[in-house]
Amino acid sequence: MAKQSLEKFPNQKNRQKDFTCSIGFTMTVIGSKWRAIILWHIIKKEPIRYGQLKNTIPNISHKVLSLELKQLESDGLIERKAYATIPPKVEYIPTKRGLSLKDILTELCNWGKKYMES
């Protein structure tokens, strides 16, 4: 089977320098306190508007949500669609790369549910 060539992440060399295993690299992409949670909600309810996302994750500040959305977009995991309306409307949808994390995030969610209930 031929190895599939994937598009590089921004600052990939920088992210890889501290890790010799692939899980370390993966955690630099989704491992912040909020990033996986934000991506999970975008995947579950696409498209989702900023206000809906903020209401879904009430403990996150606007500043952190905004920064994490920019990072997810920069990493090519989500796409931001802005509409020229009044009031302005912005929606977020997962990209193909973002959707490739759906099964992983689902398993993390299931694992968390199992141990939160015990």
PDB file of N, CA and C in Angstrom:
ATOM      1  N   MET A   1       0.840  -1.175   0.000  1.00  0.00           N
ATOM      2  CA  MET A   1       0.000   0.000   0.000  1.00  0.00           C
ATOM      3  C   MET A   1       0.890   1.245   0.000  1.00  0.00           C
ATOM      4  N   ALA A   2       0.600   2.181  -0.883  1.00  0.00           N
ATOM      5  CA  ALA A   2       1.404   3.392  -0.985  1.00  0.00           C
ATOM      6  C   ALA A   2       1.114   4.319   0.192  1.00  0.00           C
ATOM      7  N   LYS A   3       2.152   4.965   0.697  1.00  0.00           N
ATOM      8  CA  LYS A   3       1.990   5.895   1.804  1.00  0.00           C
ATOM      9  C   LYS A   3       1.348   7.173   1.285  1.00  0.00           C
ATOM     10  N   GLN A   4       0.286   7.597   1.969  1.00  0.00           N
ATOM     11  CA  GLN A   4      -0.433   8.795   1.563  1.00  0.00           C
ATOM     12  C   GLN A   4       0.334  10.026   2.029  1.00  0.00           C
ATOM     13  N   SER A   5       0.515  10.981   1.138  1.00  0.00           N
ATOM     14  CA  SER A   5       1.210  12.209   1.476  1.00  0.00           C
ATOM     15  C   SER A   5       0.191  13.215   2.013  1.00  0.00           C
ATOM     16  N   LEU A   6       0.446  13.725   3.205  1.00  0.00           N
ATOM     17  CA  LEU A   6      -0.458  14.675   3.824  1.00  0.00           C
ATOM     18  C   LEU A   6       0.183  16.047   3.868  1.00  0.00           C
ATOM     19  N   GLU A   7      -0.661  17.052   3.839  1.00  0.00           N
ATOM     20  CA  GLU A   7      -0.211  18.427   3.941  1.00  0.00           C
ATOM     21  C   GLU A   7       0.406  18.651   5.325  1.00  0.00           C
ATOM     22  N   LYS A   8       1.518  19.353   5.373  1.00  0.00           N
ATOM     23  CA  LYS A   8       2.194  19.625   6.641  1.00  0.00           C
ATOM     24  C   LYS A   8       1.395  20.630   7.473  1.00  0.00           C
ATOM     25  N   PHE A   9       1.548  20.536   8.791  1.00  0.00           N
ATOM     26  CA  PHE A   9       0.951  21.492   9.706  1.00  0.00           C
ATOM     27  C   PHE A   9       1.841  22.727   9.759  1.00  0.00           C
ATOM     28  N   PRO A  10       1.256  23.897  10.064  1.00  0.00           N
ATOM     29  CA  PRO A  10       2.100  25.074  10.296  1.00  0.00           C
ATOM     30  C   PRO A  10       3.041  24.788  11.464  1.00  0.00           C
ATOM     31  N   ASN A  11       4.270  25.208  11.367  1.00  0.00           N
ATOM     32  CA  ASN A  11       5.284  25.019  12.417  1.00  0.00           C
ATOM     33  C   ASN A  11       5.481  23.552  12.794  1.00  0.00           C
ATOM     34  N   GLN A  12       5.326  22.655  11.831  1.00  0.00           N
ATOM     35  CA  GLN A  12       5.417  21.224  12.123  1.00  0.00           C
ATOM     36  C   GLN A  12       6.785  20.850  12.688  1.00  0.00           C
ATOM     37  N   LYS A  13       7.852  21.353  12.094  1.00  0.00           N
ATOM     38  CA  LYS A  13       9.201  21.023  12.583  1.00  0.00           C
ATOM     39  C   LYS A  13       9.370  21.461  14.036  1.00  0.00           C
ATOM     40  N   ASN A  14       8.881  22.644  14.358  1.00  0.00           N
ATOM     41  CA  ASN A  14       8.953  23.163  15.719  1.00  0.00           C
ATOM     42  C   ASN A  14       8.192  22.269  16.687  1.00  0.00           C
ATOM     43  N   ARG A  15       7.015  21.810  16.276  1.00  0.00           N
ATOM     44  CA  ARG A  15       6.190  20.957  17.130  1.00  0.00           C
ATOM     45  C   ARG A  15       6.812  19.577  17.320  1.00  0.00           C
ATOM     46  N   GLN A  16       7.500  19.083  16.306  1.00  0.00           N
ATOM     47  CA  GLN A  16       8.052  17.737  16.353  1.00  0.00           C
ATOM     48  C   GLN A  16       9.365  17.654  17.109  1.00  0.00           C
ATOM     49  N   LYS A  17      10.055  18.759  17.278  1.00  0.00           N
ATOM     50  CA  LYS A  17      11.417  18.718  17.819  1.00  0.00           C
ATOM     51  C   LYS A  17      11.504  18.113  19.218  1.00  0.00           C
ATOM     52  N   ASP A  18      10.450  18.258  20.029  1.00  0.00           N
ATOM     53  CA  ASP A  18      10.495  17.764  21.402  1.00  0.00           C
ATOM     54  C   ASP A  18      10.001  16.324  21.554  1.00  0.00           C
ATOM     55  N   PHE A  19       9.528  15.731  20.477  1.00  0.00           N
ATOM     56  CA  PHE A  19       8.917  14.410  20.600  1.00  0.00           C
ATOM     57  C   PHE A  19       9.535  13.405  19.640  1.00  0.00           C
ATOM     58  N   THR A  20       9.715  12.196  20.133  1.00  0.00           N
ATOM     59  CA  THR A  20      10.170  11.111  19.266  1.00  0.00           C
ATOM     60  C   THR A  20       9.025  10.165  18.952  1.00  0.00           C
ATOM     61  N   CYS A  21       7.851  10.405  19.542  1.00  0.00           N
ATOM     62  CA  CYS A  21       6.694   9.551  19.254  1.00  0.00           C
ATOM     63  C   CYS A  21       5.555  10.397  18.685  1.00  0.00           C
ATOM     64  N   SER A  22       4.700   9.751  17.942  1.00  0.00           N
ATOM     65  CA  SER A  22       3.620  10.458  17.258  1.00  0.00           C
ATOM     66  C   SER A  22       2.558  10.980  18.213  1.00  0.00           C
ATOM     67  N   ILE A  23       2.378  10.360  19.366  1.00  0.00           N
ATOM     68  CA  ILE A  23       1.353  10.850  20.297  1.00  0.00           C
ATOM     69  C   ILE A  23       1.729  12.231  20.846  1.00  0.00           C
ATOM     70  N   GLY A  24       2.998  12.478  21.022  1.00  0.00           N
ATOM     71  CA  GLY A  24       3.443  13.799  21.467  1.00  0.00           C
ATOM     72  C   GLY A  24       3.086  14.868  20.453  1.00  0.00           C
ATOM     73  N   PHE A  25       3.314  14.573  19.175  1.00  0.00           N
ATOM     74  CA  PHE A  25       2.942  15.519  18.120  1.00  0.00           C
ATOM     75  C   PHE A  25       1.433  15.738  18.112  1.00  0.00           C
ATOM     76  N   THR A  26       0.681  14.647  18.217  1.00  0.00           N
ATOM     77  CA  THR A  26      -0.788  14.744  18.213  1.00  0.00           C
ATOM     78  C   THR A  26      -1.269  15.641  19.351  1.00  0.00           C
ATOM     79  N   MET A  27      -0.662  15.496  20.509  1.00  0.00           N
ATOM     80  CA  MET A  27      -1.086  16.294  21.654  1.00  0.00           C
ATOM     81  C   MET A  27      -0.769  17.776  21.476  1.00  0.00           C
ATOM     82  N   THR A  28       0.244  18.115  20.667  1.00  0.00           N
ATOM     83  CA  THR A  28       0.489  19.539  20.406  1.00  0.00           C
ATOM     84  C   THR A  28      -0.618  20.124  19.540  1.00  0.00           C
ATOM     85  N   VAL A  29      -1.301  19.270  18.780  1.00  0.00           N
ATOM     86  CA  VAL A  29      -2.384  19.739  17.907  1.00  0.00           C
ATOM     87  C   VAL A  29      -3.692  19.847  18.682  1.00  0.00           C
ATOM     88  N   ILE A  30      -4.049  18.849  19.491  1.00  0.00           N
ATOM     89  CA  ILE A  30      -5.352  18.855  20.166  1.00  0.00           C
ATOM     90  C   ILE A  30      -5.244  18.920  21.683  1.00  0.00           C
ATOM     91  N   GLY A  31      -4.049  19.066  22.214  1.00  0.00           N
ATOM     92  CA  GLY A  31      -3.840  18.868  23.637  1.00  0.00           C
ATOM     93  C   GLY A  31      -4.004  20.046  24.565  1.00  0.00           C
ATOM     94  N   SER A  32      -4.434  21.200  24.078  1.00  0.00           N
ATOM     95  CA  SER A  32      -4.646  22.290  25.033  1.00  0.00           C
ATOM     96  C   SER A  32      -5.885  21.981  25.865  1.00  0.00           C
ATOM     97  N   LYS A  33      -6.086  22.747  26.912  1.00  0.00           N
ATOM     98  CA  LYS A  33      -7.221  22.510  27.802  1.00  0.00           C
ATOM     99  C   LYS A  33      -8.549  22.527  27.045  1.00  0.00           C
ATOM    100  N   TRP A  34      -8.672  23.388  26.036  1.00  0.00           N
ATOM    101  CA  TRP A  34      -9.958  23.599  25.373  1.00  0.00           C
ATOM    102  C   TRP A  34     -10.035  23.108  23.941  1.00  0.00           C
ATOM    103  N   ARG A  35      -8.930  22.953  23.258  1.00  0.00           N
ATOM    104  CA  ARG A  35      -8.939  22.727  21.808  1.00  0.00           C
ATOM    105  C   ARG A  35      -9.741  21.496  21.375  1.00  0.00           C
ATOM    106  N   ALA A  36      -9.542  20.370  22.025  1.00  0.00           N
ATOM    107  CA  ALA A  36     -10.270  19.150  21.653  1.00  0.00           C
ATOM    108  C   ALA A  36     -11.764  19.317  21.918  1.00  0.00           C
ATOM    109  N   ILE A  37     -12.108  20.015  22.999  1.00  0.00           N
ATOM    110  CA  ILE A  37     -13.517  20.244  23.331  1.00  0.00           C
ATOM    111  C   ILE A  37     -14.177  21.105  22.266  1.00  0.00           C
ATOM    112  N   ILE A  38     -13.511  22.165  21.855  1.00  0.00           N
ATOM    113  CA  ILE A  38     -14.049  23.051  20.819  1.00  0.00           C
ATOM    114  C   ILE A  38     -14.231  22.276  19.519  1.00  0.00           C
ATOM    115  N   LEU A  39     -13.211  21.548  19.119  1.00  0.00           N
ATOM    116  CA  LEU A  39     -13.287  20.778  17.877  1.00  0.00           C
ATOM    117  C   LEU A  39     -14.416  19.753  17.953  1.00  0.00           C
ATOM    118  N   TRP A  40     -14.561  19.094  19.095  1.00  0.00           N
ATOM    119  CA  TRP A  40     -15.620  18.099  19.291  1.00  0.00           C
ATOM    120  C   TRP A  40     -17.004  18.727  19.054  1.00  0.00           C
ATOM    121  N   HIS A  41     -17.227  19.913  19.607  1.00  0.00           N
ATOM    122  CA  HIS A  41     -18.528  20.567  19.445  1.00  0.00           C
ATOM    123  C   HIS A  41     -18.750  21.045  18.008  1.00  0.00           C
ATOM    124  N   ILE A  42     -17.695  21.455  17.350  1.00  0.00           N
ATOM    125  CA  ILE A  42     -17.826  21.869  15.940  1.00  0.00           C
ATOM    126  C   ILE A  42     -18.155  20.664  15.074  1.00  0.00           C
ATOM    127  N   ILE A  43     -17.523  19.533  15.352  1.00  0.00           N
ATOM    128  CA  ILE A  43     -17.806  18.314  14.583  1.00  0.00           C
ATOM    129  C   ILE A  43     -19.227  17.837  14.840  1.00  0.00           C
ATOM    130  N   LYS A  44     -19.661  17.878  16.096  1.00  0.00           N
ATOM    131  CA  LYS A  44     -20.990  17.385  16.455  1.00  0.00           C
ATOM    132  C   LYS A  44     -22.122  18.226  15.872  1.00  0.00           C
ATOM    133  N   LYS A  45     -21.923  19.529  15.810  1.00  0.00           N
ATOM    134  CA  LYS A  45     -23.016  20.412  15.409  1.00  0.00           C
ATOM    135  C   LYS A  45     -22.547  21.386  14.323  1.00  0.00           C
ATOM    136  N   GLU A  46     -22.165  20.815  13.199  1.00  0.00           N
ATOM    137  CA  GLU A  46     -21.715  21.697  12.116  1.00  0.00           C
ATOM    138  C   GLU A  46     -22.891  22.105  11.246  1.00  0.00           C
ATOM    139  N   PRO A  47     -22.926  23.292  10.716  1.00  0.00           N
ATOM    140  CA  PRO A  47     -22.079  24.418  11.123  1.00  0.00           C
ATOM    141  C   PRO A  47     -22.549  24.953  12.475  1.00  0.00           C
ATOM    142  N   ILE A  48     -21.636  25.591  13.168  1.00  0.00           N
ATOM    143  CA  ILE A  48     -21.975  26.169  14.467  1.00  0.00           C
ATOM    144  C   ILE A  48     -21.478  27.610  14.503  1.00  0.00           C
ATOM    145  N   ARG A  49     -22.303  28.470  15.055  1.00  0.00           N
ATOM    146  CA  ARG A  49     -21.941  29.882  15.160  1.00  0.00           C
ATOM    147  C   ARG A  49     -21.163  30.122  16.456  1.00  0.00           C
ATOM    148  N   TYR A  50     -20.451  31.229  16.489  1.00  0.00           N
ATOM    149  CA  TYR A  50     -19.610  31.566  17.646  1.00  0.00           C
ATOM    150  C   TYR A  50     -20.431  31.579  18.933  1.00  0.00           C
ATOM    151  N   GLY A  51     -21.569  32.252  18.913  1.00  0.00           N
ATOM    152  CA  GLY A  51     -22.406  32.357  20.117  1.00  0.00           C
ATOM    153  C   GLY A  51     -22.900  31.006  20.603  1.00  0.00           C
ATOM    154  N   GLN A  52     -23.264  30.138  19.670  1.00  0.00           N
ATOM    155  CA  GLN A  52     -23.704  28.790  20.042  1.00  0.00           C
ATOM    156  C   GLN A  52     -22.562  28.025  20.704  1.00  0.00           C
ATOM    157  N   LEU A  53     -21.389  28.168  20.132  1.00  0.00           N
ATOM    158  CA  LEU A  53     -20.207  27.486  20.667  1.00  0.00           C
ATOM    159  C   LEU A  53     -19.899  27.992  22.072  1.00  0.00           C
ATOM    160  N   LYS A  54     -19.957  29.306  22.267  1.00  0.00           N
ATOM    161  CA  LYS A  54     -19.694  29.902  23.582  1.00  0.00           C
ATOM    162  C   LYS A  54     -20.719  29.417  24.593  1.00  0.00           C
ATOM    163  N   ASN A  55     -21.993  29.330  24.201  1.00  0.00           N
ATOM    164  CA  ASN A  55     -23.038  28.846  25.109  1.00  0.00           C
ATOM    165  C   ASN A  55     -22.854  27.370  25.448  1.00  0.00           C
ATOM    166  N   THR A  56     -22.315  26.602  24.514  1.00  0.00           N
ATOM    167  CA  THR A  56     -22.088  25.175  24.726  1.00  0.00           C
ATOM    168  C   THR A  56     -20.934  24.941  25.691  1.00  0.00           C
ATOM    169  N   ILE A  57     -19.969  25.857  25.696  1.00  0.00           N
ATOM    170  CA  ILE A  57     -18.787  25.749  26.571  1.00  0.00           C
ATOM    171  C   ILE A  57     -18.750  26.996  27.465  1.00  0.00           C
ATOM    172  N   PRO A  58     -19.644  27.086  28.446  1.00  0.00           N
ATOM    173  CA  PRO A  58     -19.794  28.332  29.208  1.00  0.00           C
ATOM    174  C   PRO A  58     -18.579  28.737  30.048  1.00  0.00           C
ATOM    175  N   ASN A  59     -17.720  27.815  30.433  1.00  0.00           N
ATOM    176  CA  ASN A  59     -16.589  28.166  31.297  1.00  0.00           C
ATOM    177  C   ASN A  59     -15.388  28.728  30.555  1.00  0.00           C
ATOM    178  N   ILE A  60     -15.453  28.784  29.244  1.00  0.00           N
ATOM    179  CA  ILE A  60     -14.337  29.328  28.469  1.00  0.00           C
ATOM    180  C   ILE A  60     -14.544  30.835  28.279  1.00  0.00           C
ATOM    181  N   SER A  61     -13.470  31.592  28.372  1.00  0.00           N
ATOM    182  CA  SER A  61     -13.580  33.041  28.163  1.00  0.00           C
ATOM    183  C   SER A  61     -13.640  33.330  26.666  1.00  0.00           C
ATOM    184  N   HIS A  62     -14.164  34.504  26.332  1.00  0.00           N
ATOM    185  CA  HIS A  62     -14.229  34.896  24.924  1.00  0.00           C
ATOM    186  C   HIS A  62     -12.829  34.963  24.319  1.00  0.00           C
ATOM    187  N   LYS A  63     -11.878  35.478  25.088  1.00  0.00           N
ATOM    188  CA  LYS A  63     -10.506  35.612  24.585  1.00  0.00           C
ATOM    189  C   LYS A  63      -9.910  34.243  24.250  1.00  0.00           C
ATOM    190  N   VAL A  64     -10.045  33.289  25.160  1.00  0.00           N
ATOM    191  CA  VAL A  64      -9.474  31.964  24.940  1.00  0.00           C
ATOM    192  C   VAL A  64     -10.191  31.266  23.788  1.00  0.00           C
ATOM    193  N   LEU A  65     -11.525  31.368  23.739  1.00  0.00           N
ATOM    194  CA  LEU A  65     -12.268  30.752  22.642  1.00  0.00           C
ATOM    195  C   LEU A  65     -11.808  31.313  21.307  1.00  0.00           C
ATOM    196  N   SER A  66     -11.671  32.606  21.237  1.00  0.00           N
ATOM    197  CA  SER A  66     -11.228  33.247  20.003  1.00  0.00           C
ATOM    198  C   SER A  66      -9.828  32.784  19.594  1.00  0.00           C
ATOM    199  N   LEU A  67      -8.907  32.738  20.559  1.00  0.00           N
ATOM    200  CA  LEU A  67      -7.530  32.296  20.270  1.00  0.00           C
ATOM    201  C   LEU A  67      -7.490  30.833  19.819  1.00  0.00           C
ATOM    202  N   GLU A  68      -8.248  29.985  20.491  1.00  0.00           N
ATOM    203  CA  GLU A  68      -8.253  28.561  20.137  1.00  0.00           C
ATOM    204  C   GLU A  68      -8.884  28.340  18.760  1.00  0.00           C
ATOM    205  N   LEU A  69      -9.937  29.084  18.443  1.00  0.00           N
ATOM    206  CA  LEU A  69     -10.546  28.979  17.112  1.00  0.00           C
ATOM    207  C   LEU A  69      -9.539  29.377  16.029  1.00  0.00           C
ATOM    208  N   LYS A  70      -8.786  30.442  16.281  1.00  0.00           N
ATOM    209  CA  LYS A  70      -7.767  30.876  15.320  1.00  0.00           C
ATOM    210  C   LYS A  70      -6.696  29.794  15.136  1.00  0.00           C
ATOM    211  N   GLN A  71      -6.300  29.141  16.242  1.00  0.00           N
ATOM    212  CA  GLN A  71      -5.287  28.088  16.154  1.00  0.00           C
ATOM    213  C   GLN A  71      -5.826  26.877  15.399  1.00  0.00           C
ATOM    214  N   LEU A  72      -7.069  26.487  15.685  1.00  0.00           N
ATOM    215  CA  LEU A  72      -7.685  25.361  14.971  1.00  0.00           C
ATOM    216  C   LEU A  72      -7.794  25.664  13.478  1.00  0.00           C
ATOM    217  N   GLU A  73      -8.120  26.912  13.149  1.00  0.00           N
ATOM    218  CA  GLU A  73      -8.195  27.309  11.741  1.00  0.00           C
ATOM    219  C   GLU A  73      -6.806  27.303  11.114  1.00  0.00           C
ATOM    220  N   SER A  74      -5.830  27.819  11.828  1.00  0.00           N
ATOM    221  CA  SER A  74      -4.451  27.848  11.333  1.00  0.00           C
ATOM    222  C   SER A  74      -3.917  26.438  11.080  1.00  0.00           C
ATOM    223  N   ASP A  75      -4.307  25.488  11.929  1.00  0.00           N
ATOM    224  CA  ASP A  75      -3.878  24.097  11.777  1.00  0.00           C
ATOM    225  C   ASP A  75      -4.673  23.355  10.703  1.00  0.00           C
ATOM    226  N   GLY A  76      -5.648  24.014  10.125  1.00  0.00           N
ATOM    227  CA  GLY A  76      -6.427  23.382   9.067  1.00  0.00           C
ATOM    228  C   GLY A  76      -7.438  22.372   9.575  1.00  0.00           C
ATOM    229  N   LEU A  77      -7.858  22.497  10.847  1.00  0.00           N
ATOM    230  CA  LEU A  77      -8.822  21.566  11.418  1.00  0.00           C
ATOM    231  C   LEU A  77     -10.256  22.069  11.304  1.00  0.00           C
ATOM    232  N   ILE A  78     -10.412  23.395  11.202  1.00  0.00           N
ATOM    233  CA  ILE A  78     -11.732  23.986  11.010  1.00  0.00           C
ATOM    234  C   ILE A  78     -11.657  25.060   9.936  1.00  0.00           C
ATOM    235  N   GLU A  79     -12.822  25.401   9.438  1.00  0.00           N
ATOM    236  CA  GLU A  79     -12.930  26.482   8.461  1.00  0.00           C
ATOM    237  C   GLU A  79     -13.899  27.505   9.019  1.00  0.00           C
ATOM    238  N   ARG A  80     -13.545  28.760   8.868  1.00  0.00           N
ATOM    239  CA  ARG A  80     -14.384  29.870   9.337  1.00  0.00           C
ATOM    240  C   ARG A  80     -15.067  30.490   8.127  1.00  0.00           C
ATOM    241  N   LYS A  81     -16.391  30.548   8.187  1.00  0.00           N
ATOM    242  CA  LYS A  81     -17.149  31.167   7.103  1.00  0.00           C
ATOM    243  C   LYS A  81     -17.818  32.425   7.634  1.00  0.00           C
ATOM    244  N   ALA A  82     -17.438  33.571   7.070  1.00  0.00           N
ATOM    245  CA  ALA A  82     -18.010  34.852   7.475  1.00  0.00           C
ATOM    246  C   ALA A  82     -19.009  35.300   6.417  1.00  0.00           C
ATOM    247  N   TYR A  83     -20.147  35.767   6.864  1.00  0.00           N
ATOM    248  CA  TYR A  83     -21.197  36.244   5.964  1.00  0.00           C
ATOM    249  C   TYR A  83     -21.322  37.751   6.134  1.00  0.00           C
ATOM    250  N   ALA A  84     -21.465  38.446   5.017  1.00  0.00           N
ATOM    251  CA  ALA A  84     -21.581  39.905   5.037  1.00  0.00           C
ATOM    252  C   ALA A  84     -23.037  40.290   5.313  1.00  0.00           C
ATOM    253  N   THR A  85     -23.429  40.135   6.559  1.00  0.00           N
ATOM    254  CA  THR A  85     -24.787  40.479   6.974  1.00  0.00           C
ATOM    255  C   THR A  85     -24.718  41.393   8.181  1.00  0.00           C
ATOM    256  N   ILE A  86     -25.850  41.996   8.483  1.00  0.00           N
ATOM    257  CA  ILE A  86     -25.938  42.816   9.686  1.00  0.00           C
ATOM    258  C   ILE A  86     -27.009  42.194  10.565  1.00  0.00           C
ATOM    259  N   PRO A  87     -26.701  41.755  11.764  1.00  0.00           N
ATOM    260  CA  PRO A  87     -25.364  41.719  12.356  1.00  0.00           C
ATOM    261  C   PRO A  87     -24.487  40.681  11.670  1.00  0.00           C
ATOM    262  N   PRO A  88     -23.172  40.819  11.829  1.00  0.00           N
ATOM    263  CA  PRO A  88     -22.262  39.871  11.186  1.00  0.00           C
ATOM    264  C   PRO A  88     -22.546  38.439  11.638  1.00  0.00           C
ATOM    265  N   LYS A  89     -22.380  37.510  10.722  1.00  0.00           N
ATOM    266  CA  LYS A  89     -22.615  36.094  11.016  1.00  0.00           C
ATOM    267  C   LYS A  89     -21.357  35.309  10.649  1.00  0.00           C
ATOM    268  N   VAL A  90     -20.894  34.492  11.596  1.00  0.00           N
ATOM    269  CA  VAL A  90     -19.722  33.653  11.371  1.00  0.00           C
ATOM    270  C   VAL A  90     -20.094  32.232  11.774  1.00  0.00           C
ATOM    271  N   GLU A  91     -19.736  31.274  10.927  1.00  0.00           N
ATOM    272  CA  GLU A  91     -19.964  29.867  11.219  1.00  0.00           C
ATOM    273  C   GLU A  91     -18.644  29.117  11.134  1.00  0.00           C
ATOM    274  N   TYR A  92     -18.555  28.046  11.902  1.00  0.00           N
ATOM    275  CA  TYR A  92     -17.370  27.195  11.890  1.00  0.00           C
ATOM    276  C   TYR A  92     -17.779  25.786  11.489  1.00  0.00           C
ATOM    277  N   ILE A  93     -16.988  25.193  10.600  1.00  0.00           N
ATOM    278  CA  ILE A  93     -17.219  23.819  10.172  1.00  0.00           C
ATOM    279  C   ILE A  93     -15.882  23.081  10.198  1.00  0.00           C
ATOM    280  N   PRO A  94     -15.921  21.782  10.443  1.00  0.00           N
ATOM    281  CA  PRO A  94     -14.667  21.037  10.422  1.00  0.00           C
ATOM    282  C   PRO A  94     -14.194  20.814   8.989  1.00  0.00           C
ATOM    283  N   THR A  95     -12.896  20.778   8.805  1.00  0.00           N
ATOM    284  CA  THR A  95     -12.327  20.436   7.505  1.00  0.00           C
ATOM    285  C   THR A  95     -12.203  18.913   7.437  1.00  0.00           C
ATOM    286  N   LYS A  96     -11.736  18.430   6.317  1.00  0.00           N
ATOM    287  CA  LYS A  96     -11.505  16.993   6.175  1.00  0.00           C
ATOM    288  C   LYS A  96     -10.506  16.516   7.233  1.00  0.00           C
ATOM    289  N   ARG A  97      -9.459  17.314   7.464  1.00  0.00           N
ATOM    290  CA  ARG A  97      -8.457  16.974   8.483  1.00  0.00           C
ATOM    291  C   ARG A  97      -9.095  16.965   9.868  1.00  0.00           C
ATOM    292  N   GLY A  98      -9.953  17.941  10.151  1.00  0.00           N
ATOM    293  CA  GLY A  98     -10.636  17.993  11.434  1.00  0.00           C
ATOM    294  C   GLY A  98     -11.546  16.796  11.630  1.00  0.00           C
ATOM    295  N   LEU A  99     -12.273  16.431  10.579  1.00  0.00           N
ATOM    296  CA  LEU A  99     -13.168  15.278  10.656  1.00  0.00           C
ATOM    297  C   LEU A  99     -12.401  13.972  10.862  1.00  0.00           C
ATOM    298  N   SER A 100     -11.136  13.949  10.440  1.00  0.00           N
ATOM    299  CA  SER A 100     -10.341  12.731  10.633  1.00  0.00           C
ATOM    300  C   SER A 100     -10.096  12.442  12.113  1.00  0.00           C
ATOM    301  N   LEU A 101     -10.355  13.416  12.987  1.00  0.00           N
ATOM    302  CA  LEU A 101     -10.191  13.237  14.428  1.00  0.00           C
ATOM    303  C   LEU A 101     -11.490  12.819  15.120  1.00  0.00           C
ATOM    304  N   LYS A 102     -12.566  12.703  14.365  1.00  0.00           N
ATOM    305  CA  LYS A 102     -13.873  12.408  14.971  1.00  0.00           C
ATOM    306  C   LYS A 102     -13.860  11.122  15.787  1.00  0.00           C
ATOM    307  N   ASP A 103     -13.342  10.036  15.243  1.00  0.00           N
ATOM    308  CA  ASP A 103     -13.331   8.761  15.967  1.00  0.00           C
ATOM    309  C   ASP A 103     -12.474   8.838  17.227  1.00  0.00           C
ATOM    310  N   ILE A 104     -11.355   9.530  17.135  1.00  0.00           N
ATOM    311  CA  ILE A 104     -10.469   9.679  18.285  1.00  0.00           C
ATOM    312  C   ILE A 104     -11.162  10.476  19.387  1.00  0.00           C
ATOM    313  N   LEU A 105     -11.788  11.586  19.009  1.00  0.00           N
ATOM    314  CA  LEU A 105     -12.479  12.417  19.993  1.00  0.00           C
ATOM    315  C   LEU A 105     -13.677  11.682  20.584  1.00  0.00           C
ATOM    316  N   THR A 106     -14.359  10.871  19.770  1.00  0.00           N
ATOM    317  CA  THR A 106     -15.484  10.076  20.262  1.00  0.00           C
ATOM    318  C   THR A 106     -15.008   9.091  21.322  1.00  0.00           C
ATOM    319  N   GLU A 107     -13.886   8.432  21.059  1.00  0.00           N
ATOM    320  CA  GLU A 107     -13.340   7.486  22.033  1.00  0.00           C
ATOM    321  C   GLU A 107     -12.902   8.189  23.312  1.00  0.00           C
ATOM    322  N   LEU A 108     -12.296   9.367  23.195  1.00  0.00           N
ATOM    323  CA  LEU A 108     -11.926  10.135  24.383  1.00  0.00           C
ATOM    324  C   LEU A 108     -13.167  10.509  25.188  1.00  0.00           C
ATOM    325  N   CYS A 109     -14.218  10.896  24.496  1.00  0.00           N
ATOM    326  CA  CYS A 109     -15.481  11.243  25.146  1.00  0.00           C
ATOM    327  C   CYS A 109     -16.058  10.032  25.875  1.00  0.00           C
ATOM    328  N   ASN A 110     -16.096   8.897  25.194  1.00  0.00           N
ATOM    329  CA  ASN A 110     -16.630   7.670  25.804  1.00  0.00           C
ATOM    330  C   ASN A 110     -15.811   7.248  27.021  1.00  0.00           C
ATOM    331  N   TRP A 111     -14.498   7.347  26.914  1.00  0.00           N
ATOM    332  CA  TRP A 111     -13.629   6.995  28.031  1.00  0.00           C
ATOM    333  C   TRP A 111     -13.916   7.905  29.224  1.00  0.00           C
ATOM    334  N   GLY A 112     -14.033   9.209  28.951  1.00  0.00           N
ATOM    335  CA  GLY A 112     -14.328  10.166  30.030  1.00  0.00           C
ATOM    336  C   GLY A 112     -15.663   9.893  30.694  1.00  0.00           C
ATOM    337  N   LYS A 113     -16.694   9.608  29.890  1.00  0.00           N
ATOM    338  CA  LYS A 113     -18.017   9.289  30.454  1.00  0.00           C
ATOM    339  C   LYS A 113     -17.932   8.075  31.372  1.00  0.00           C
ATOM    340  N   LYS A 114     -17.225   7.052  30.919  1.00  0.00           N
ATOM    341  CA  LYS A 114     -17.107   5.817  31.696  1.00  0.00           C
ATOM    342  C   LYS A 114     -16.485   6.089  33.064  1.00  0.00           C
ATOM    343  N   TYR A 115     -15.408   6.870  33.086  1.00  0.00           N
ATOM    344  CA  TYR A 115     -14.714   7.086  34.351  1.00  0.00           C
ATOM    345  C   TYR A 115     -15.309   8.209  35.190  1.00  0.00           C
ATOM    346  N   MET A 116     -16.082   9.093  34.592  1.00  0.00           N
ATOM    347  CA  MET A 116     -16.775  10.111  35.369  1.00  0.00           C
ATOM    348  C   MET A 116     -17.942   9.498  36.134  1.00  0.00           C
ATOM    349  N   GLU A 117     -18.529   8.435  35.559  1.00  0.00           N
ATOM    350  CA  GLU A 117     -19.686   7.782  36.169  1.00  0.00           C
ATOM    351  C   GLU A 117     -19.291   6.765  37.235  1.00  0.00           C
ATOM    352  N   SER A 118     -18.026   6.369  37.268  1.00  0.00           N
ATOM    353  CA  SER A 118     -17.640   5.323  38.243  1.00  0.00           C
ATOM    354  C   SER A 118     -17.183   5.913  39.554  1.00  0.00           C
TER     355      SER A 118
END
